């Protein structure tokens, strides 16, 4: 049951993370267009700055739950990595309830109030004369908070499962770091070399 809950939430936050990742392309095209018209045609846009922080801010906030699902957040693990899995799980479980859930709940409540006020008067950006709407951007506070809260539930389930079994349920991986690929290739190469040496001895 716990495994199914974890897998469902991981897939959900993974879908949102991958869907919103396309915003980086929109931002790249928008900023590329701004550079072109500003420096080639001397006709800067009035909306480029607003577009850049809205798209990047949305990507950053919604990507938080996705990163947590993939165990990608930076942690100070100089002690943590030396502990047994059950110890790690026990400490994480306590910290989720002391720090994570209260903080995310506050984000959701305050974000809902903040976004509600913005929607009531259809707020626009004050950073440029373009009048770019920002009420939809502030709604992302609630969306991001909700996704993080759900992913927090999945992480708590992971901790409980680890306390029961003594092992961490592996996180889903969409991509692999280059350094990890190089380590695996090096290990595979050493293994192949050792097998060839052993085979040569057997043949001899």
Protein backbone atom coordinates (compact mmCIF):
# COMPACT_ATOMS: atom_id res chain seq x y z
CA UNK A 1 0.00 0.00 0.00
CA UNK A 2 2.75 2.45 0.97
CA UNK A 3 4.66 1.59 -2.18
CA UNK A 4 1.62 2.33 -4.36
CA UNK A 5 1.11 5.71 -2.65
CA UNK A 6 4.76 6.59 -3.20
CA UNK A 7 4.71 5.54 -6.85
CA UNK A 8 1.49 7.44 -7.56
CA UNK A 9 2.75 10.69 -6.01
CA UNK A 10 6.17 10.31 -7.65
CA UNK A 11 4.51 9.91 -11.04
CA UNK A 12 2.23 12.90 -10.40
CA UNK A 13 5.00 15.29 -9.38
CA UNK A 14 7.18 13.84 -12.15
CA UNK A 15 4.52 14.69 -14.72
CA UNK A 16 4.24 18.28 -13.46
CA UNK A 17 8.02 18.64 -13.37
CA UNK A 18 8.46 17.45 -16.94
CA UNK A 19 5.50 19.48 -18.21
CA UNK A 20 6.69 22.74 -16.65
CA UNK A 21 10.29 22.07 -17.74
CA UNK A 22 9.24 23.26 -21.21
CA UNK A 23 9.04 26.78 -19.77
CA UNK A 24 12.82 26.98 -20.02
CA UNK A 25 12.49 26.84 -23.82
CA UNK A 26 9.90 29.61 -23.84
CA UNK A 27 12.16 31.70 -21.66
CA UNK A 28 15.17 31.01 -23.90
CA UNK A 29 13.26 32.00 -27.05
CA UNK A 30 11.84 35.09 -25.36
CA UNK A 31 15.20 36.29 -24.08
CA UNK A 32 16.83 35.49 -27.41
CA UNK A 33 14.21 37.62 -29.15
CA UNK A 34 14.81 40.43 -26.65
CA UNK A 35 18.57 40.38 -27.26
CA UNK A 36 18.00 40.43 -31.04
CA UNK A 37 15.60 43.36 -31.13
CA UNK A 38 17.46 45.31 -28.43
CA UNK A 39 20.96 45.14 -29.85
CA UNK A 40 20.33 44.63 -33.57
CA UNK A 41 17.20 46.74 -34.18
CA UNK A 42 17.51 49.05 -31.14
CA UNK A 43 13.88 48.32 -30.24
CA UNK A 44 13.81 46.69 -26.77
CA UNK A 45 10.59 45.07 -25.60
CA UNK A 46 8.63 46.18 -22.55
CA UNK A 47 7.70 42.66 -21.48
CA UNK A 48 10.96 40.65 -21.54
CA UNK A 49 11.94 41.23 -17.90
CA UNK A 50 8.48 40.30 -16.61
CA UNK A 51 8.39 37.23 -18.84
CA UNK A 52 11.78 36.03 -17.62
CA UNK A 53 11.04 36.15 -13.90
CA UNK A 54 7.50 34.80 -14.29
CA UNK A 55 8.60 31.78 -16.33
CA UNK A 56 11.72 31.08 -14.30
CA UNK A 57 9.90 31.60 -11.01
CA UNK A 58 7.15 29.20 -12.07
CA UNK A 59 9.70 26.60 -13.16
CA UNK A 60 11.64 26.98 -9.92
CA UNK A 61 8.59 26.64 -7.67
CA UNK A 62 6.86 23.78 -9.45
CA UNK A 63 10.17 21.96 -9.89
CA UNK A 64 10.66 21.74 -6.12
CA UNK A 65 8.39 18.72 -5.69
CA UNK A 66 9.87 17.03 -8.75
CA UNK A 67 13.39 17.50 -7.36
CA UNK A 68 12.33 16.11 -3.98
CA UNK A 69 10.80 13.07 -5.70
CA UNK A 70 14.12 12.42 -7.45
CA UNK A 71 16.15 12.99 -4.27
CA UNK A 72 17.88 15.89 -5.99
CA UNK A 73 17.87 18.52 -3.23
CA UNK A 74 21.21 19.37 -1.67
CA UNK A 75 21.66 18.00 1.83
CA UNK A 76 24.45 18.35 4.38
CA UNK A 77 25.17 14.63 4.46
CA UNK A 78 28.64 14.51 6.01
CA UNK A 79 27.03 12.72 8.98
CA UNK A 80 23.79 11.50 7.38
CA UNK A 81 25.53 9.25 4.84
CA UNK A 82 27.35 7.41 7.63
CA UNK A 83 24.13 6.37 9.38
CA UNK A 84 22.26 3.14 8.82
CA UNK A 85 19.13 3.45 6.64
CA UNK A 86 16.80 3.01 9.64
CA UNK A 87 18.56 5.85 11.48
CA UNK A 88 18.34 8.06 8.41
CA UNK A 89 14.64 7.29 8.06
CA UNK A 90 13.89 7.99 11.73
CA UNK A 91 15.65 11.37 11.64
CA UNK A 92 14.02 12.35 8.35
CA UNK A 93 10.58 11.34 9.62
CA UNK A 94 10.91 13.59 12.67
CA UNK A 95 12.28 16.51 10.65
CA UNK A 96 9.47 16.29 8.09
CA UNK A 97 6.88 16.83 10.82
CA UNK A 98 8.86 19.49 12.71
CA UNK A 99 10.02 21.62 9.78
CA UNK A 100 8.75 20.50 6.37
CA UNK A 101 4.98 20.20 6.81
CA UNK A 102 4.55 23.35 8.97
CA UNK A 103 6.59 25.38 6.48
CA UNK A 104 4.77 24.07 3.42
CA UNK A 105 1.39 24.54 5.10
CA UNK A 106 2.29 28.16 5.83
CA UNK A 107 3.32 28.58 2.18
CA UNK A 108 -0.02 27.21 0.98
CA UNK A 109 -2.14 29.33 3.35
CA UNK A 110 -0.20 32.56 2.82
CA UNK A 111 0.08 31.87 -0.91
CA UNK A 112 -3.69 31.37 -1.22
CA UNK A 113 -4.34 34.71 0.50
CA UNK A 114 -1.68 36.43 -1.58
CA UNK A 115 -3.00 34.99 -4.86
CA UNK A 116 -6.63 35.69 -3.86
CA UNK A 117 -5.94 39.40 -3.41
CA UNK A 118 -4.09 39.46 -6.72
CA UNK A 119 -7.00 37.82 -8.58
CA UNK A 120 -9.56 40.19 -7.05
CA UNK A 121 -8.06 43.23 -8.76
CA UNK A 122 -6.40 41.39 -11.66
CA UNK A 123 -2.93 42.53 -10.64
CA UNK A 124 -0.39 43.46 -13.28
CA UNK A 125 3.36 43.91 -13.00
CA UNK A 126 4.71 47.26 -11.81
CA UNK A 127 8.18 46.49 -13.18
CA UNK A 128 7.42 47.60 -16.73
CA UNK A 129 4.87 49.66 -18.69
CA UNK A 130 3.65 46.55 -20.50
CA UNK A 131 1.11 45.73 -17.78
CA UNK A 132 1.89 42.00 -17.81
CA UNK A 133 -0.62 40.07 -15.63
CA UNK A 134 0.94 38.46 -12.56
CA UNK A 135 -2.10 37.06 -10.73
CA UNK A 136 -1.67 33.69 -12.47
CA UNK A 137 2.00 33.67 -11.46
CA UNK A 138 1.14 34.17 -7.79
CA UNK A 139 -1.26 31.23 -8.02
CA UNK A 140 1.83 29.07 -8.54
CA UNK A 141 2.60 29.53 -4.85
CA UNK A 142 -0.43 27.40 -4.03
CA UNK A 143 0.27 24.89 -6.80
CA UNK A 144 3.89 24.49 -5.73
CA UNK A 145 2.92 24.20 -2.06
CA UNK A 146 0.31 21.55 -2.82
CA UNK A 147 2.74 19.48 -4.89
CA UNK A 148 5.41 19.75 -2.20
CA UNK A 149 2.92 18.72 0.48
CA UNK A 150 1.92 15.67 -1.55
CA UNK A 151 5.53 14.77 -2.19
CA UNK A 152 6.19 15.18 1.53
CA UNK A 153 3.56 12.52 2.17
CA UNK A 154 5.38 10.23 -0.25
CA UNK A 155 8.67 10.90 1.55
CA UNK A 156 7.08 10.10 4.92
CA UNK A 157 5.82 6.83 3.44
CA UNK A 158 9.37 6.14 2.25
CA UNK A 159 10.66 6.69 5.78
CA UNK A 160 8.06 4.34 7.28
CA UNK A 161 8.85 1.70 4.66
CA UNK A 162 12.57 2.03 5.39
CA UNK A 163 11.95 1.66 9.13
CA UNK A 164 10.10 -1.58 8.40
CA UNK A 165 12.51 -3.09 5.87
CA UNK A 166 15.84 -1.46 6.68
CA UNK A 167 16.28 -0.33 3.07
CA UNK A 168 15.32 2.80 1.13
CA UNK A 169 12.87 2.43 -1.72
CA UNK A 170 14.80 3.66 -4.79
CA UNK A 171 13.82 7.02 -6.26
CA UNK A 172 12.73 7.24 -9.86
CA UNK A 173 15.35 8.72 -12.18
CA UNK A 174 14.61 10.56 -15.42
CA UNK A 175 18.19 11.53 -16.13
CA UNK A 176 21.59 10.45 -14.90
CA UNK A 177 24.46 12.73 -13.99
CA UNK A 178 27.44 12.55 -16.35
CA UNK A 179 29.83 11.81 -13.50
CA UNK A 180 27.68 8.82 -12.48
CA UNK A 181 27.74 7.55 -16.06
CA UNK A 182 31.55 7.89 -16.15
CA UNK A 183 31.92 6.01 -12.85
CA UNK A 184 29.74 3.16 -14.18
CA UNK A 185 31.70 3.05 -17.44
CA UNK A 186 34.99 2.94 -15.54
CA UNK A 187 33.71 0.17 -13.27
CA UNK A 188 32.43 -1.76 -16.29
CA UNK A 189 35.78 -1.35 -18.04
CA UNK A 190 37.68 -2.62 -15.01
CA UNK A 191 35.31 -5.56 -14.73
CA UNK A 192 35.76 -6.46 -18.43
CA UNK A 193 39.54 -6.20 -18.04
CA UNK A 194 39.50 -8.50 -15.01
CA UNK A 195 37.33 -11.02 -16.86
CA UNK A 196 39.74 -11.05 -19.83
CA UNK A 197 42.71 -11.63 -17.50
CA UNK A 198 40.87 -14.44 -15.72
CA UNK A 199 39.87 -16.01 -19.04
CA UNK A 200 43.47 -15.83 -20.25
CA UNK A 201 44.68 -17.65 -17.15
CA UNK A 202 42.03 -20.34 -17.61
CA UNK A 203 43.07 -20.83 -21.22
CA UNK A 204 46.68 -21.13 -20.18
